[in-house]
Amino acid sequence: MTGVFGAVMERLAAGESPRAAARTLGIPLDLAEAVAEEGERFGLVIRAGAACGTCVPGDSPACAGCPLAR
């Protein structure tokens, strides 16, 4: 990925929040948040609170129906 979208996605993948990514990249927060929302919609990233923390997605039949197990 290139450009602002790719730069923000790289920061998010490294564990940064949209706020931290915006600060690091010197871009407006609303732009970083919009990129994060699109990345989530495409399944490229997940919100920090989205995972239940009890399993590795897809490793257990108990994960059936979990949005992270796709």
C-alpha atoms as a PDB file:
ATOM      1  CA  MET A   1       0.000   0.000   0.000  1.00  0.00           C
ATOM      2  CA  THR A   2       1.176   3.477  -0.715  1.00  0.00           C
ATOM      3  CA  GLY A   3       0.251   7.010   0.210  1.00  0.00           C
ATOM      4  CA  VAL A   4      -1.520   8.152   3.342  1.00  0.00           C
ATOM      5  CA  PHE A   5      -3.785   5.081   3.477  1.00  0.00           C
ATOM      6  CA  GLY A   6      -0.814   2.740   3.415  1.00  0.00           C
ATOM      7  CA  ALA A   7       1.165   4.777   5.927  1.00  0.00           C
ATOM      8  CA  VAL A   8      -1.713   4.834   8.405  1.00  0.00           C
ATOM      9  CA  MET A   9      -2.383   1.113   7.894  1.00  0.00           C
ATOM     10  CA  GLU A  10       1.281   0.346   8.608  1.00  0.00           C
ATOM     11  CA  ARG A  11       1.101   2.336  11.862  1.00  0.00           C
ATOM     12  CA  LEU A  12      -2.144   0.597  12.868  1.00  0.00           C
ATOM     13  CA  ALA A  13      -0.650  -2.806  12.073  1.00  0.00           C
ATOM     14  CA  ALA A  14       2.282  -1.895  14.323  1.00  0.00           C
ATOM     15  CA  GLY A  15      -0.185  -1.431  17.173  1.00  0.00           C
ATOM     16  CA  GLU A  16      -0.642   2.327  17.150  1.00  0.00           C
ATOM     17  CA  SER A  17      -4.018   3.961  17.655  1.00  0.00           C
ATOM     18  CA  PRO A  18      -5.400   6.277  14.971  1.00  0.00           C
ATOM     19  CA  ARG A  19      -4.498   9.208  17.271  1.00  0.00           C
ATOM     20  CA  ALA A  20      -0.880   8.042  17.593  1.00  0.00           C
ATOM     21  CA  ALA A  21      -0.665   7.347  13.861  1.00  0.00           C
ATOM     22  CA  ALA A  22      -1.946  10.854  13.073  1.00  0.00           C
ATOM     23  CA  ARG A  23       0.596  12.390  15.435  1.00  0.00           C
ATOM     24  CA  THR A  24       3.453  10.263  14.051  1.00  0.00           C
ATOM     25  CA  LEU A  25       2.565  10.992  10.427  1.00  0.00           C
ATOM     26  CA  GLY A  26       1.621  14.639  10.938  1.00  0.00           C
ATOM     27  CA  ILE A  27      -1.860  14.236   9.473  1.00  0.00           C
ATOM     28  CA  PRO A  28      -5.285  15.285  10.814  1.00  0.00           C
ATOM     29  CA  LEU A  29      -6.833  12.899  13.347  1.00  0.00           C
ATOM     30  CA  ASP A  30     -10.085  12.657  11.385  1.00  0.00           C
ATOM     31  CA  LEU A  31      -8.146  11.401   8.346  1.00  0.00           C
ATOM     32  CA  ALA A  32      -6.389   8.719  10.392  1.00  0.00           C
ATOM     33  CA  GLU A  33      -9.723   7.684  11.940  1.00  0.00           C
ATOM     34  CA  ALA A  34     -11.351   7.484   8.488  1.00  0.00           C
ATOM     35  CA  VAL A  35      -8.525   5.255   7.241  1.00  0.00           C
ATOM     36  CA  ALA A  36      -8.863   3.067  10.354  1.00  0.00           C
ATOM     37  CA  GLU A  37     -12.615   2.714   9.776  1.00  0.00           C
ATOM     38  CA  GLU A  38     -12.074   1.732   6.141  1.00  0.00           C
ATOM     39  CA  GLY A  39      -9.350  -0.711   7.125  1.00  0.00           C
ATOM     40  CA  GLU A  40     -11.713  -2.288   9.634  1.00  0.00           C
ATOM     41  CA  ARG A  41     -14.506  -2.441   7.066  1.00  0.00           C
ATOM     42  CA  PHE A  42     -12.175  -4.243   4.635  1.00  0.00           C
ATOM     43  CA  GLY A  43     -11.016  -6.605   7.386  1.00  0.00           C
ATOM     44  CA  LEU A  44      -7.429  -5.349   7.337  1.00  0.00           C
ATOM     45  CA  VAL A  45      -7.408  -4.261  10.990  1.00  0.00           C
ATOM     46  CA  ILE A  46      -9.652  -4.732  14.003  1.00  0.00           C
ATOM     47  CA  ARG A  47     -10.549  -2.385  16.825  1.00  0.00           C
ATOM     48  CA  ALA A  48      -8.456  -2.901  19.945  1.00  0.00           C
ATOM     49  CA  GLY A  49     -11.505  -3.982  21.959  1.00  0.00           C
ATOM     50  CA  ALA A  50     -12.975  -6.263  19.296  1.00  0.00           C
ATOM     51  CA  ALA A  51     -11.131  -9.444  20.236  1.00  0.00           C
ATOM     52  CA  CYS A  52     -12.416 -11.440  23.188  1.00  0.00           C
ATOM     53  CA  GLY A  53      -8.910 -12.484  24.217  1.00  0.00           C
ATOM     54  CA  THR A  54      -9.883 -16.077  24.995  1.00  0.00           C
ATOM     55  CA  CYS A  55      -8.764 -17.828  21.838  1.00  0.00           C
ATOM     56  CA  VAL A  56      -6.777 -17.582  18.658  1.00  0.00           C
ATOM     57  CA  PRO A  57      -9.352 -16.955  15.894  1.00  0.00           C
ATOM     58  CA  GLY A  58     -10.219 -20.114  14.027  1.00  0.00           C
ATOM     59  CA  ASP A  59      -8.294 -22.501  16.285  1.00  0.00           C
ATOM     60  CA  SER A  60     -11.345 -23.789  18.117  1.00  0.00           C
ATOM     61  CA  PRO A  61     -14.878 -24.821  17.192  1.00  0.00           C
ATOM     62  CA  ALA A  62     -15.930 -22.365  19.902  1.00  0.00           C
ATOM     63  CA  CYS A  63     -14.797 -19.588  17.562  1.00  0.00           C
ATOM     64  CA  ALA A  64     -17.557 -20.423  15.042  1.00  0.00           C
ATOM     65  CA  GLY A  65     -19.443 -17.250  14.258  1.00  0.00           C
ATOM     66  CA  CYS A  66     -16.709 -15.014  15.668  1.00  0.00           C
ATOM     67  CA  PRO A  67     -16.069 -12.082  13.290  1.00  0.00           C
ATOM     68  CA  LEU A  68     -12.336 -12.594  13.814  1.00  0.00           C
ATOM     69  CA  ALA A  69     -12.463 -16.223  12.671  1.00  0.00           C
ATOM     70  CA  ARG A  70     -13.113 -15.330   9.027  1.00  0.00           C
END
